[in-house]
């Protein structure tokens, strides 16, 4: 595989991991639970387990986002590492 193809493929994998970390850590783990908790509170149907799960998701959202980003970074470095040249 040529050098330029490896660079482009590594960049695509990196940006896919970055976008996935924003989606999973930002939307799925942070904003969606907050939104559902606020709507359940407004409707008067908020339960304690729902609140606890939302808090746990919000607290761990940055860790999960960092993990997903790190996996994309590691995968992109497996494709192209500038130290190999």
PDB file of N, CA and C in Angstrom:
ATOM      1  N   UNK A   1       0.855  -1.170   0.000  1.00  0.00           N
ATOM      2  CA  UNK A   1       0.000   0.000   0.000  1.00  0.00           C
ATOM      3  C   UNK A   1       0.909   1.244   0.000  1.00  0.00           C
ATOM      4  N   UNK A   2       0.578   2.194  -0.833  1.00  0.00           N
ATOM      5  CA  UNK A   2       1.436   3.381  -0.935  1.00  0.00           C
ATOM      6  C   UNK A   2       1.268   4.284   0.294  1.00  0.00           C
ATOM      7  N   UNK A   3       2.218   5.178   0.441  1.00  0.00           N
ATOM      8  CA  UNK A   3       2.245   6.070   1.598  1.00  0.00           C
ATOM      9  C   UNK A   3       1.025   6.978   1.625  1.00  0.00           C
ATOM     10  N   UNK A   4       0.642   7.547   0.482  1.00  0.00           N
ATOM     11  CA  UNK A   4      -0.489   8.476   0.445  1.00  0.00           C
ATOM     12  C   UNK A   4      -1.812   7.787   0.757  1.00  0.00           C
ATOM     13  N   UNK A   5      -1.970   6.559   0.285  1.00  0.00           N
ATOM     14  CA  UNK A   5      -3.195   5.809   0.583  1.00  0.00           C
ATOM     15  C   UNK A   5      -3.278   5.516   2.074  1.00  0.00           C
ATOM     16  N   UNK A   6      -2.146   5.163   2.673  1.00  0.00           N
ATOM     17  CA  UNK A   6      -2.136   4.899   4.112  1.00  0.00           C
ATOM     18  C   UNK A   6      -2.445   6.151   4.910  1.00  0.00           C
ATOM     19  N   UNK A   7      -1.939   7.304   4.465  1.00  0.00           N
ATOM     20  CA  UNK A   7      -2.220   8.561   5.162  1.00  0.00           C
ATOM     21  C   UNK A   7      -3.703   8.896   5.100  1.00  0.00           C
ATOM     22  N   UNK A   8      -4.293   8.783   3.918  1.00  0.00           N
ATOM     23  CA  UNK A   8      -5.723   9.098   3.753  1.00  0.00           C
ATOM     24  C   UNK A   8      -6.583   8.127   4.552  1.00  0.00           C
ATOM     25  N   UNK A   9      -6.248   6.850   4.508  1.00  0.00           N
ATOM     26  CA  UNK A   9      -7.009   5.858   5.264  1.00  0.00           C
ATOM     27  C   UNK A   9      -6.878   6.098   6.772  1.00  0.00           C
ATOM     28  N   UNK A  10      -5.683   6.435   7.226  1.00  0.00           N
ATOM     29  CA  UNK A  10      -5.485   6.719   8.658  1.00  0.00           C
ATOM     30  C   UNK A  10      -6.265   7.955   9.082  1.00  0.00           C
ATOM     31  N   UNK A  11      -6.293   8.989   8.239  1.00  0.00           N
ATOM     32  CA  UNK A  11      -7.063  10.185   8.564  1.00  0.00           C
ATOM     33  C   UNK A  11      -8.557   9.894   8.598  1.00  0.00           C
ATOM     34  N   UNK A  12      -9.035   9.073   7.671  1.00  0.00           N
ATOM     35  CA  UNK A  12     -10.461   8.721   7.655  1.00  0.00           C
ATOM     36  C   UNK A  12     -10.840   7.947   8.911  1.00  0.00           C
ATOM     37  N   UNK A  13      -9.997   7.016   9.313  1.00  0.00           N
ATOM     38  CA  UNK A  13     -10.269   6.249  10.530  1.00  0.00           C
ATOM     39  C   UNK A  13     -10.220   7.154  11.761  1.00  0.00           C
ATOM     40  N   UNK A  14      -9.266   8.060  11.813  1.00  0.00           N
ATOM     41  CA  UNK A  14      -9.158   8.981  12.949  1.00  0.00           C
ATOM     42  C   UNK A  14     -10.396   9.858  13.057  1.00  0.00           C
ATOM     43  N   UNK A  15     -10.827  10.467  11.940  1.00  0.00           N
ATOM     44  CA  UNK A  15     -11.983  11.356  11.993  1.00  0.00           C
ATOM     45  C   UNK A  15     -13.281  10.595  12.235  1.00  0.00           C
ATOM     46  N   UNK A  16     -13.345   9.337  11.809  1.00  0.00           N
ATOM     47  CA  UNK A  16     -14.508   8.510  12.135  1.00  0.00           C
ATOM     48  C   UNK A  16     -14.556   8.238  13.635  1.00  0.00           C
ATOM     49  N   UNK A  17     -13.418   7.934  14.229  1.00  0.00           N
ATOM     50  CA  UNK A  17     -13.362   7.738  15.681  1.00  0.00           C
ATOM     51  C   UNK A  17     -13.691   9.001  16.445  1.00  0.00           C
ATOM     52  N   UNK A  18     -13.248  10.141  15.934  1.00  0.00           N
ATOM     53  CA  UNK A  18     -13.544  11.424  16.570  1.00  0.00           C
ATOM     54  C   UNK A  18     -15.038  11.726  16.517  1.00  0.00           C
ATOM     55  N   UNK A  19     -15.643  11.516  15.340  1.00  0.00           N
ATOM     56  CA  UNK A  19     -17.082  11.757  15.199  1.00  0.00           C
ATOM     57  C   UNK A  19     -17.890  10.778  16.051  1.00  0.00           C
ATOM     58  N   UNK A  20     -17.458   9.533  16.106  1.00  0.00           N
ATOM     59  CA  UNK A  20     -18.157   8.547  16.934  1.00  0.00           C
ATOM     60  C   UNK A  20     -18.045   8.895  18.411  1.00  0.00           C
ATOM     61  N   UNK A  21     -16.911   9.425  18.832  1.00  0.00           N
ATOM     62  CA  UNK A  21     -16.769   9.793  20.245  1.00  0.00           C
ATOM     63  C   UNK A  21     -17.686  10.961  20.594  1.00  0.00           C
ATOM     64  N   UNK A  22     -17.824  11.920  19.685  1.00  0.00           N
ATOM     65  CA  UNK A  22     -18.749  13.026  19.937  1.00  0.00           C
ATOM     66  C   UNK A  22     -20.183  12.527  19.991  1.00  0.00           C
ATOM     67  N   UNK A  23     -20.543  11.630  19.073  1.00  0.00           N
ATOM     68  CA  UNK A  23     -21.912  11.111  19.051  1.00  0.00           C
ATOM     69  C   UNK A  23     -22.205  10.274  20.296  1.00  0.00           C
ATOM     70  N   UNK A  24     -21.339   9.336  20.594  1.00  0.00           N
ATOM     71  CA  UNK A  24     -21.604   8.426  21.718  1.00  0.00           C
ATOM     72  C   UNK A  24     -21.460   9.149  23.057  1.00  0.00           C
ATOM     73  N   UNK A  25     -20.371   9.877  23.235  1.00  0.00           N
ATOM     74  CA  UNK A  25     -20.143  10.553  24.508  1.00  0.00           C
ATOM     75  C   UNK A  25     -21.004  11.782  24.699  1.00  0.00           C
ATOM     76  N   UNK A  26     -21.253  12.509  23.619  1.00  0.00           N
ATOM     77  CA  UNK A  26     -22.013  13.748  23.728  1.00  0.00           C
ATOM     78  C   UNK A  26     -23.512  13.561  23.649  1.00  0.00           C
ATOM     79  N   UNK A  27     -23.969  12.815  22.649  1.00  0.00           N
ATOM     80  CA  UNK A  27     -25.410  12.687  22.454  1.00  0.00           C
ATOM     81  C   UNK A  27     -25.988  11.524  23.271  1.00  0.00           C
ATOM     82  N   UNK A  28     -25.470  10.314  23.045  1.00  0.00           N
ATOM     83  CA  UNK A  28     -26.067   9.123  23.667  1.00  0.00           C
ATOM     84  C   UNK A  28     -25.879   9.110  25.172  1.00  0.00           C
ATOM     85  N   UNK A  29     -24.698   9.522  25.638  1.00  0.00           N
ATOM     86  CA  UNK A  29     -24.403   9.405  27.067  1.00  0.00           C
ATOM     87  C   UNK A  29     -24.662  10.685  27.863  1.00  0.00           C
ATOM     88  N   UNK A  30     -24.767  11.852  27.199  1.00  0.00           N
ATOM     89  CA  UNK A  30     -24.915  13.095  27.950  1.00  0.00           C
ATOM     90  C   UNK A  30     -26.238  13.801  27.651  1.00  0.00           C
ATOM     91  N   UNK A  31     -26.438  14.223  26.435  1.00  0.00           N
ATOM     92  CA  UNK A  31     -27.605  15.056  26.129  1.00  0.00           C
ATOM     93  C   UNK A  31     -28.927  14.281  26.113  1.00  0.00           C
ATOM     94  N   UNK A  32     -28.913  13.073  25.588  1.00  0.00           N
ATOM     95  CA  UNK A  32     -30.149  12.294  25.525  1.00  0.00           C
ATOM     96  C   UNK A  32     -30.703  11.949  26.920  1.00  0.00           C
ATOM     97  N   UNK A  33     -29.863  11.485  27.877  1.00  0.00           N
ATOM     98  CA  UNK A  33     -30.386  11.227  29.220  1.00  0.00           C
ATOM     99  C   UNK A  33     -30.880  12.488  29.934  1.00  0.00           C
ATOM    100  N   UNK A  34     -30.175  13.601  29.740  1.00  0.00           N
ATOM    101  CA  UNK A  34     -30.614  14.858  30.359  1.00  0.00           C
ATOM    102  C   UNK A  34     -31.965  15.270  29.783  1.00  0.00           C
ATOM    103  N   UNK A  35     -32.096  15.166  28.471  1.00  0.00           N
ATOM    104  CA  UNK A  35     -33.348  15.531  27.815  1.00  0.00           C
ATOM    105  C   UNK A  35     -34.510  14.647  28.272  1.00  0.00           C
ATOM    106  N   UNK A  36     -34.278  13.341  28.351  1.00  0.00           N
ATOM    107  CA  UNK A  36     -35.358  12.451  28.780  1.00  0.00           C
ATOM    108  C   UNK A  36     -35.693  12.643  30.253  1.00  0.00           C
ATOM    109  N   UNK A  37     -34.696  12.939  31.084  1.00  0.00           N
ATOM    110  CA  UNK A  37     -34.948  13.192  32.502  1.00  0.00           C
ATOM    111  C   UNK A  37     -35.756  14.468  32.696  1.00  0.00           C
ATOM    112  N   UNK A  38     -35.399  15.501  31.962  1.00  0.00           N
ATOM    113  CA  UNK A  38     -36.149  16.751  32.066  1.00  0.00           C
ATOM    114  C   UNK A  38     -37.583  16.599  31.584  1.00  0.00           C
ATOM    115  N   UNK A  39     -37.787  15.853  30.513  1.00  0.00           N
ATOM    116  CA  UNK A  39     -39.159  15.655  30.035  1.00  0.00           C
ATOM    117  C   UNK A  39     -39.964  14.777  30.988  1.00  0.00           C
ATOM    118  N   UNK A  40     -39.318  13.768  31.598  1.00  0.00           N
ATOM    119  CA  UNK A  40     -40.022  12.937  32.574  1.00  0.00           C
ATOM    120  C   UNK A  40     -40.375  13.748  33.816  1.00  0.00           C
ATOM    121  N   UNK A  41     -39.487  14.647  34.214  1.00  0.00           N
ATOM    122  CA  UNK A  41     -39.773  15.518  35.355  1.00  0.00           C
ATOM    123  C   UNK A  41     -40.940  16.462  35.040  1.00  0.00           C
ATOM    124  N   UNK A  42     -40.944  17.000  33.842  1.00  0.00           N
ATOM    125  CA  UNK A  42     -42.024  17.912  33.451  1.00  0.00           C
ATOM    126  C   UNK A  42     -43.372  17.193  33.389  1.00  0.00           C
ATOM    127  N   UNK A  43     -43.350  15.924  32.989  1.00  0.00           N
ATOM    128  CA  UNK A  43     -44.590  15.149  32.926  1.00  0.00           C
ATOM    129  C   UNK A  43     -44.989  14.563  34.273  1.00  0.00           C
ATOM    130  N   UNK A  44     -44.068  14.589  35.229  1.00  0.00           N
ATOM    131  CA  UNK A  44     -44.360  14.036  36.549  1.00  0.00           C
ATOM    132  C   UNK A  44     -44.194  12.535  36.629  1.00  0.00           C
ATOM    133  N   UNK A  45     -43.426  11.945  35.700  1.00  0.00           N
ATOM    134  CA  UNK A  45     -43.232  10.491  35.679  1.00  0.00           C
ATOM    135  C   UNK A  45     -41.801  10.082  35.991  1.00  0.00           C
ATOM    136  N   UNK A  46     -41.012  10.968  36.554  1.00  0.00           N
ATOM    137  CA  UNK A  46     -39.615  10.676  36.859  1.00  0.00           C
ATOM    138  C   UNK A  46     -39.538   9.714  38.041  1.00  0.00           C
ATOM    139  N   UNK A  47     -38.764   8.645  37.863  1.00  0.00           N
ATOM    140  CA  UNK A  47     -38.556   7.673  38.935  1.00  0.00           C
ATOM    141  C   UNK A  47     -37.101   7.743  39.394  1.00  0.00           C
ATOM    142  N   UNK A  48     -36.846   7.231  40.574  1.00  0.00           N
ATOM    143  CA  UNK A  48     -35.492   7.249  41.124  1.00  0.00           C
ATOM    144  C   UNK A  48     -34.516   6.429  40.280  1.00  0.00           C
ATOM    145  N   UNK A  49     -34.870   5.207  39.836  1.00  0.00           N
ATOM    146  CA  UNK A  49     -33.915   4.479  38.985  1.00  0.00           C
ATOM    147  C   UNK A  49     -33.592   5.218  37.683  1.00  0.00           C
ATOM    148  N   UNK A  50     -34.570   5.874  37.109  1.00  0.00           N
ATOM    149  CA  UNK A  50     -34.323   6.635  35.883  1.00  0.00           C
ATOM    150  C   UNK A  50     -33.350   7.791  36.159  1.00  0.00           C
ATOM    151  N   UNK A  51     -33.507   8.441  37.282  1.00  0.00           N
ATOM    152  CA  UNK A  51     -32.623   9.543  37.648  1.00  0.00           C
ATOM    153  C   UNK A  51     -31.203   9.053  37.926  1.00  0.00           C
ATOM    154  N   UNK A  52     -31.072   7.939  38.610  1.00  0.00           N
ATOM    155  CA  UNK A  52     -29.751   7.390  38.924  1.00  0.00           C
ATOM    156  C   UNK A  52     -29.032   6.959  37.653  1.00  0.00           C
ATOM    157  N   UNK A  53     -29.738   6.302  36.739  1.00  0.00           N
ATOM    158  CA  UNK A  53     -29.136   5.873  35.474  1.00  0.00           C
ATOM    159  C   UNK A  53     -28.687   7.087  34.659  1.00  0.00           C
ATOM    160  N   UNK A  54     -29.481   8.132  34.647  1.00  0.00           N
ATOM    161  CA  UNK A  54     -29.114   9.344  33.914  1.00  0.00           C
ATOM    162  C   UNK A  54     -27.873   9.995  34.518  1.00  0.00           C
ATOM    163  N   UNK A  55     -27.773  10.012  35.827  1.00  0.00           N
ATOM    164  CA  UNK A  55     -26.605  10.599  36.488  1.00  0.00           C
ATOM    165  C   UNK A  55     -25.349   9.789  36.182  1.00  0.00           C
ATOM    166  N   UNK A  56     -25.460   8.467  36.224  1.00  0.00           N
ATOM    167  CA  UNK A  56     -24.314   7.607  35.923  1.00  0.00           C
ATOM    168  C   UNK A  56     -23.868   7.801  34.475  1.00  0.00           C
ATOM    169  N   UNK A  57     -24.823   7.902  33.558  1.00  0.00           N
ATOM    170  CA  UNK A  57     -24.475   8.125  32.154  1.00  0.00           C
ATOM    171  C   UNK A  57     -23.783   9.466  31.960  1.00  0.00           C
ATOM    172  N   UNK A  58     -24.276  10.486  32.616  1.00  0.00           N
ATOM    173  CA  UNK A  58     -23.672  11.814  32.473  1.00  0.00           C
ATOM    174  C   UNK A  58     -22.269  11.871  33.058  1.00  0.00           C
ATOM    175  N   UNK A  59     -22.066  11.214  34.186  1.00  0.00           N
ATOM    176  CA  UNK A  59     -20.752  11.221  34.822  1.00  0.00           C
ATOM    177  C   UNK A  59     -19.736  10.441  33.984  1.00  0.00           C
ATOM    178  N   UNK A  60     -20.154   9.349  33.379  1.00  0.00           N
ATOM    179  CA  UNK A  60     -19.223   8.517  32.612  1.00  0.00           C
ATOM    180  C   UNK A  60     -19.152   8.884  31.133  1.00  0.00           C
ATOM    181  N   UNK A  61     -19.835   9.921  30.710  1.00  0.00           N
ATOM    182  CA  UNK A  61     -19.867  10.248  29.285  1.00  0.00           C
ATOM    183  C   UNK A  61     -18.498  10.653  28.742  1.00  0.00           C
ATOM    184  N   UNK A  62     -17.740  11.433  29.487  1.00  0.00           N
ATOM    185  CA  UNK A  62     -16.428  11.847  29.006  1.00  0.00           C
ATOM    186  C   UNK A  62     -15.444  10.686  28.959  1.00  0.00           C
ATOM    187  N   UNK A  63     -15.563   9.762  29.882  1.00  0.00           N
ATOM    188  CA  UNK A  63     -14.694   8.595  29.865  1.00  0.00           C
ATOM    189  C   UNK A  63     -14.972   7.732  28.646  1.00  0.00           C
ATOM    190  N   UNK A  64     -16.239   7.526  28.342  1.00  0.00           N
ATOM    191  CA  UNK A  64     -16.612   6.727  27.172  1.00  0.00           C
ATOM    192  C   UNK A  64     -16.196   7.442  25.889  1.00  0.00           C
ATOM    193  N   UNK A  65     -16.399   8.754  25.833  1.00  0.00           N
ATOM    194  CA  UNK A  65     -15.980   9.513  24.650  1.00  0.00           C
ATOM    195  C   UNK A  65     -14.465   9.418  24.457  1.00  0.00           C
ATOM    196  N   UNK A  66     -13.720   9.511  25.528  1.00  0.00           N
ATOM    197  CA  UNK A  66     -12.266   9.374  25.444  1.00  0.00           C
ATOM    198  C   UNK A  66     -11.841   7.990  25.005  1.00  0.00           C
ATOM    199  N   UNK A  67     -12.540   6.977  25.464  1.00  0.00           N
ATOM    200  CA  UNK A  67     -12.232   5.606  25.061  1.00  0.00           C
ATOM    201  C   UNK A  67     -12.474   5.410  23.566  1.00  0.00           C
ATOM    202  N   UNK A  68     -13.598   5.891  23.065  1.00  0.00           N
ATOM    203  CA  UNK A  68     -13.910   5.737  21.641  1.00  0.00           C
ATOM    204  C   UNK A  68     -12.904   6.513  20.801  1.00  0.00           C
ATOM    205  N   UNK A  69     -12.563   7.736  21.219  1.00  0.00           N
ATOM    206  CA  UNK A  69     -11.575   8.516  20.485  1.00  0.00           C
ATOM    207  C   UNK A  69     -10.221   7.808  20.484  1.00  0.00           C
ATOM    208  N   UNK A  70      -9.844   7.269  21.623  1.00  0.00           N
ATOM    209  CA  UNK A  70      -8.558   6.591  21.751  1.00  0.00           C
ATOM    210  C   UNK A  70      -8.493   5.353  20.854  1.00  0.00           C
ATOM    211  N   UNK A  71      -9.582   4.624  20.745  1.00  0.00           N
ATOM    212  CA  UNK A  71      -9.611   3.461  19.857  1.00  0.00           C
ATOM    213  C   UNK A  71      -9.440   3.879  18.395  1.00  0.00           C
ATOM    214  N   UNK A  72     -10.077   4.976  18.000  1.00  0.00           N
ATOM    215  CA  UNK A  72      -9.884   5.487  16.644  1.00  0.00           C
ATOM    216  C   UNK A  72      -8.463   5.947  16.411  1.00  0.00           C
ATOM    217  N   UNK A  73      -7.862   6.584  17.403  1.00  0.00           N
ATOM    218  CA  UNK A  73      -6.482   7.053  17.298  1.00  0.00           C
ATOM    219  C   UNK A  73      -5.519   5.878  17.180  1.00  0.00           C
ATOM    220  N   UNK A  74      -5.723   4.852  17.975  1.00  0.00           N
ATOM    221  CA  UNK A  74      -4.862   3.679  17.925  1.00  0.00           C
ATOM    222  C   UNK A  74      -4.995   2.977  16.580  1.00  0.00           C
ATOM    223  N   UNK A  75      -6.223   2.862  16.089  1.00  0.00           N
ATOM    224  CA  UNK A  75      -6.438   2.214  14.794  1.00  0.00           C
ATOM    225  C   UNK A  75      -5.791   3.011  13.666  1.00  0.00           C
ATOM    226  N   UNK A  76      -5.863   4.327  13.735  1.00  0.00           N
ATOM    227  CA  UNK A  76      -5.232   5.127  12.677  1.00  0.00           C
ATOM    228  C   UNK A  76      -3.714   5.030  12.743  1.00  0.00           C
ATOM    229  N   UNK A  77      -3.160   4.920  13.935  1.00  0.00           N
ATOM    230  CA  UNK A  77      -1.713   4.753  14.050  1.00  0.00           C
ATOM    231  C   UNK A  77      -1.255   3.368  13.611  1.00  0.00           C
ATOM    232  N   UNK A  78      -2.136   2.395  13.690  1.00  0.00           N
ATOM    233  CA  UNK A  78      -1.772   1.062  13.172  1.00  0.00           C
ATOM    234  C   UNK A  78      -1.680   1.095  11.650  1.00  0.00           C
ATOM    235  N   UNK A  79      -2.475   1.909  11.007  1.00  0.00           N
ATOM    236  CA  UNK A  79      -2.446   2.019   9.550  1.00  0.00           C
ATOM    237  C   UNK A  79      -1.229   2.815   9.101  1.00  0.00           C
ATOM    238  N   UNK A  80      -1.016   3.983   9.719  1.00  0.00           N
ATOM    239  CA  UNK A  80       0.113   4.826   9.329  1.00  0.00           C
ATOM    240  C   UNK A  80       0.755   5.417  10.575  1.00  0.00           C
ATOM    241  N   UNK A  81       2.016   5.113  10.740  1.00  0.00           N
ATOM    242  CA  UNK A  81       2.797   5.684  11.827  1.00  0.00           C
ATOM    243  C   UNK A  81       4.001   6.380  11.216  1.00  0.00           C
ATOM    244  N   UNK A  82       4.143   7.658  11.436  1.00  0.00           N
ATOM    245  CA  UNK A  82       5.201   8.445  10.802  1.00  0.00           C
ATOM    246  C   UNK A  82       6.595   8.033  11.297  1.00  0.00           C
ATOM    247  N   UNK A  83       6.671   7.344  12.404  1.00  0.00           N
ATOM    248  CA  UNK A  83       7.974   6.911  12.901  1.00  0.00           C
ATOM    249  C   UNK A  83       8.533   5.759  12.094  1.00  0.00           C
ATOM    250  N   UNK A  84       7.685   5.093  11.279  1.00  0.00           N
ATOM    251  CA  UNK A  84       8.159   3.952  10.484  1.00  0.00           C
ATOM    252  C   UNK A  84       9.020   4.390   9.301  1.00  0.00           C
ATOM    253  N   UNK A  85       8.965   5.652   8.945  1.00  0.00           N
ATOM    254  CA  UNK A  85       9.720   6.096   7.772  1.00  0.00           C
ATOM    255  C   UNK A  85      11.052   6.646   8.136  1.00  0.00           C
TER     256      UNK A  85
END
